[in-house]
Amino acid sequence: MTDQPQASSAQFMPRLESVLVRTLSVLLMLVFALIFVLVVVLVVMRYGFNATIVGGAEATVFLFIYTTALGSAVEIAGSKHIRIETLVELLPPFWRGMLEMLQLVLIGVLHAFLFYFSVEWIRVVGTSRDPVLRTPEWMVEIAMPIGCVLAVLFCITRLFGLAGRLRGKASGA
């Protein structure tokens, strides 16, 4: 009976990560599809009809900013952040795991700082409006802190998972 609550709490982080990654992946796919359709429509209108959608190019850039911020967080969850593994692969599994934990801590700290500075940046310049779409700039700029929060969250979920695997290997399980 005591194993049940411990097992369910141990599965919470991986389950949370999985749900978030799937949700964000679907959202990213839909936004990329929207960007694709928007670009095709803009090209056809420009070269076929010598017309355009006012703000279409700006909307495409804004959507791309969101895909970059959210996509980078999703890639952290998939352990696909930028790294060079040539020397790391020579390490024993335990030390490789410890190094990966250090990488996740550093990535998480970097994103925590980016979050802080991006919120400050939005506070200073977020009240201005886009000249074409007339939307407040903060609506686009907020993509950065959202991506940072997700990146930190995924670093934490990855750290819990990695710590559990390393603890299991150390105990011989």
Protein backbone atom coordinates (compact mmCIF):
# COMPACT_ATOMS: atom_id res chain seq x y z
CA MET A 1 0.00 0.00 0.00
CA THR A 2 2.88 2.41 0.68
CA ASP A 3 4.37 1.75 -2.75
CA GLN A 4 1.25 3.03 -4.56
CA PRO A 5 1.48 6.74 -3.57
CA GLN A 6 5.24 6.75 -4.15
CA ALA A 7 4.84 5.18 -7.59
CA SER A 8 2.09 7.61 -8.60
CA SER A 9 4.12 10.63 -7.45
CA ALA A 10 7.15 9.30 -9.32
CA GLN A 11 5.04 9.12 -12.49
CA PHE A 12 3.63 12.65 -12.14
CA MET A 13 6.60 14.51 -13.66
CA PRO A 14 7.00 12.26 -16.72
CA ARG A 15 3.23 12.34 -17.29
CA LEU A 16 3.13 16.14 -16.96
CA GLU A 17 6.05 16.47 -19.36
CA SER A 18 4.45 14.10 -21.86
CA VAL A 19 1.11 15.94 -21.83
CA LEU A 20 2.81 19.33 -22.20
CA VAL A 21 5.07 18.14 -25.02
CA ARG A 22 2.16 16.58 -26.94
CA THR A 23 -0.01 19.67 -26.47
CA LEU A 24 2.76 22.05 -27.50
CA SER A 25 3.70 19.85 -30.46
CA VAL A 26 0.13 19.93 -31.77
CA LEU A 27 -0.04 23.68 -31.21
CA LEU A 28 3.28 24.17 -33.03
CA MET A 29 2.10 22.01 -35.91
CA LEU A 30 -1.07 24.09 -36.24
CA VAL A 31 0.84 27.37 -36.11
CA PHE A 32 3.33 26.12 -38.73
CA ALA A 33 0.40 25.10 -40.94
CA LEU A 34 -1.10 28.56 -40.47
CA ILE A 35 2.24 30.18 -41.37
CA PHE A 36 2.46 28.00 -44.48
CA VAL A 37 -1.07 28.88 -45.62
CA LEU A 38 -0.50 32.55 -44.89
CA VAL A 39 2.75 32.64 -46.87
CA VAL A 40 1.19 30.81 -49.83
CA VAL A 41 -1.80 33.18 -49.85
CA LEU A 42 0.48 36.21 -49.60
CA VAL A 43 2.66 35.00 -52.50
CA VAL A 44 -0.34 34.15 -54.71
CA MET A 45 -1.96 37.49 -53.97
CA ARG A 46 1.23 39.46 -54.57
CA TYR A 47 2.33 37.79 -57.80
CA GLY A 48 -1.06 36.70 -59.10
CA PHE A 49 -3.21 39.68 -58.24
CA ASN A 50 -0.70 42.43 -57.37
CA ALA A 51 -2.39 42.78 -53.96
CA THR A 52 -1.62 41.83 -50.38
CA ILE A 53 -3.17 41.27 -46.98
CA VAL A 54 -2.31 44.26 -44.81
CA GLY A 55 -0.29 42.94 -41.87
CA GLY A 56 0.10 39.46 -43.36
CA ALA A 57 3.89 39.58 -43.36
CA GLU A 58 3.94 40.95 -39.82
CA ALA A 59 1.55 38.24 -38.61
CA THR A 60 3.80 35.61 -40.17
CA VAL A 61 6.82 36.98 -38.31
CA PHE A 62 4.88 37.15 -35.04
CA LEU A 63 3.74 33.54 -35.40
CA PHE A 64 7.29 32.47 -36.21
CA ILE A 65 8.54 34.13 -33.01
CA TYR A 66 6.06 32.03 -31.02
CA THR A 67 7.11 28.81 -32.78
CA THR A 68 10.74 29.57 -31.98
CA ALA A 69 10.10 30.26 -28.28
CA LEU A 70 7.81 27.28 -27.76
CA GLY A 71 9.74 24.93 -30.04
CA SER A 72 13.01 25.51 -28.21
CA ALA A 73 11.35 24.51 -24.94
CA VAL A 74 9.92 21.35 -26.54
CA GLU A 75 13.37 20.41 -27.80
CA ILE A 76 14.77 20.65 -24.27
CA ALA A 77 12.12 18.14 -23.20
CA GLY A 78 13.36 15.84 -25.96
CA SER A 79 17.01 16.27 -24.86
CA LYS A 80 17.78 17.85 -28.21
CA HIS A 81 19.39 21.05 -27.00
CA ILE A 82 22.69 22.09 -28.55
CA ARG A 83 25.56 19.93 -27.32
CA ILE A 84 28.65 18.17 -28.56
CA GLU A 85 28.71 14.55 -27.49
CA THR A 86 32.05 13.32 -28.80
CA LEU A 87 33.90 13.35 -25.48
CA VAL A 88 30.78 12.83 -23.37
CA GLU A 89 30.17 9.43 -25.00
CA LEU A 90 33.55 8.25 -23.67
CA LEU A 91 32.39 8.72 -20.07
CA PRO A 92 30.86 5.91 -18.01
CA PRO A 93 27.03 6.04 -17.92
CA PHE A 94 26.90 7.44 -14.37
CA TRP A 95 29.20 10.37 -15.16
CA ARG A 96 27.46 10.96 -18.47
CA GLY A 97 24.20 11.27 -16.52
CA MET A 98 25.80 13.62 -14.00
CA LEU A 99 27.10 15.80 -16.84
CA GLU A 100 23.65 15.83 -18.43
CA MET A 101 22.21 16.94 -15.09
CA LEU A 102 24.74 19.77 -14.96
CA GLN A 103 23.78 20.78 -18.51
CA LEU A 104 20.09 20.86 -17.56
CA VAL A 105 20.83 22.97 -14.47
CA LEU A 106 22.83 25.44 -16.58
CA ILE A 107 20.14 25.58 -19.27
CA GLY A 108 17.48 26.11 -16.59
CA VAL A 109 19.47 28.91 -14.92
CA LEU A 110 20.08 30.57 -18.31
CA HIS A 111 16.36 30.50 -19.06
CA ALA A 112 15.52 31.84 -15.59
CA PHE A 113 17.78 34.83 -16.31
CA LEU A 114 16.29 35.21 -19.79
CA PHE A 115 12.83 35.17 -18.22
CA TYR A 116 13.77 37.93 -15.80
CA PHE A 117 15.33 40.13 -18.46
CA SER A 118 12.56 39.52 -21.00
CA VAL A 119 9.92 40.56 -18.45
CA GLU A 120 11.93 43.73 -17.79
CA TRP A 121 12.21 44.31 -21.54
CA ILE A 122 8.43 43.92 -21.97
CA ARG A 123 7.86 46.32 -19.07
CA VAL A 124 9.96 48.97 -20.84
CA VAL A 125 8.89 48.57 -24.49
CA GLY A 126 5.74 46.46 -24.33
CA THR A 127 3.31 49.37 -24.35
CA SER A 128 4.16 50.43 -27.90
CA ARG A 129 2.00 49.20 -30.77
CA ASP A 130 2.90 47.48 -34.00
CA PRO A 131 2.61 50.15 -36.72
CA VAL A 132 0.76 47.87 -39.16
CA LEU A 133 -1.38 45.53 -37.07
CA ARG A 134 -1.87 48.08 -34.27
CA THR A 135 -1.54 45.29 -31.68
CA PRO A 136 0.40 45.94 -28.48
CA GLU A 137 4.00 44.73 -28.80
CA TRP A 138 3.75 42.82 -25.53
CA MET A 139 1.46 40.31 -27.27
CA VAL A 140 4.44 39.17 -29.32
CA GLU A 141 7.18 39.85 -26.78
CA ILE A 142 5.47 37.64 -24.19
CA ALA A 143 6.48 34.62 -26.28
CA MET A 144 9.97 34.87 -24.78
CA PRO A 145 9.00 34.58 -21.09
CA ILE A 146 6.46 31.87 -21.91
CA GLY A 147 9.17 29.88 -23.71
CA CYS A 148 11.57 30.46 -20.80
CA VAL A 149 9.07 29.22 -18.20
CA LEU A 150 8.41 26.11 -20.28
CA ALA A 151 12.15 25.54 -20.76
CA VAL A 152 12.76 25.74 -17.00
CA LEU A 153 9.81 23.42 -16.38
CA PHE A 154 11.17 20.89 -18.88
CA CYS A 155 14.65 21.14 -17.33
CA ILE A 156 13.08 20.31 -13.95
CA THR A 157 11.08 17.37 -15.32
CA ARG A 158 14.17 16.05 -17.13
CA LEU A 159 16.24 16.42 -13.96
CA PHE A 160 13.71 14.41 -11.93
CA GLY A 161 13.65 11.68 -14.56
CA LEU A 162 17.43 11.58 -14.89
CA ALA A 163 17.94 11.57 -11.11
CA GLY A 164 15.52 8.65 -10.81
CA ARG A 165 17.35 6.68 -13.50
CA LEU A 166 20.75 7.41 -11.94
CA ARG A 167 19.47 6.45 -8.48
CA GLY A 168 18.13 3.21 -9.97
CA LYS A 169 21.48 2.44 -11.62
CA ALA A 170 23.40 3.29 -8.44
CA SER A 171 21.23 0.96 -6.37
CA GLY A 172 21.58 -1.80 -8.96
CA ALA A 173 17.89 -1.88 -9.93
